[in-house]
Amino acid sequence: AVLLTGFTVENTRLNLSPGSDRSSLTMTRLNLGMKYQHSEKWSGTYVFLPKIASDFDNIGSNDFQFGGIAVLYYQDSESYKIKFGMYASSENHGSTITPLIGLWHRSKDNKFYINATLPIRMDANYALSKNFSVGSDLATSIKSYNLSELNSDKYVQEESIRFALYAALGLMDNSIILRGKVGFDTTDYGVFNSNQKVGAQVLTFPLSSDKRNRLNSEFDSSLYVGFDAIYRFDLTKETK
């Protein structure tokens, strides 16, 4: 068994409607769980994900949400893993349930790599040289933020799909990875009254009819450019 822990912070500043003041939406999340080797072929990752998601204007009970993820891995060989599981989270708009299926693979020549946990994450790349590669990545999210500024009694529901193509350069024996990317972003932020919910939904599909009255216009999808700087720690070196 291996203990897994971490802390995630995300901040977005945006105008939720034309002419409005800019709002600051922040998500802070504790990641606490474990990875367990069930047998020679099977392993699992189980993580509890409590979070605070709001404008942090006046912290209250509506700012706290709880989620969790469970993923089982079947290792067919040293270069292949199949994975499937479930992610669930309580949100201001109701409960979100996301079935997961994915694949991890690295080719024997170490040139091709893919790590996909669909529909949440995917990263695939091909090495053209020791230090240069090209690839694509996918990131999706469904989450909500409580709006407490000016006692607004509203919440924001974010639905996001971001797909990008990138070129990556490795430095210092690939300990540092620099990525330039161009992609397509469908992120939308809908504002709703706190008393209007959809109950449970699977991915973006409510299990019952959505009768909420949206209070702002839909955000337009657009192309985007981005830059990633990644530092990787080498945990395999022997110490004396």
Foldseek 3Di string as FASTA:
>chain_A
DAKDWDKDKDWDWDDQAPPDDIAIKMKIWIWTWGKADPDPFKIKTKIKIWMFIASPPDDDPLRIKIKMWMKMWGDPDPFKIKMWTWIWMQALQAIEIETWTWMWGADPVRFWTWTDTPPAKIWIWGDPDQFKIKTKMKHWDWHKYAYCVVHPQKMKIKTKIKIWIWMWGADPSNQKIKIKIKTKMQIWIWMFHSVAHQHYDYRPHGPDDRPTDTDHDTDDIDMDIDMDIHGHDDPPDDDD
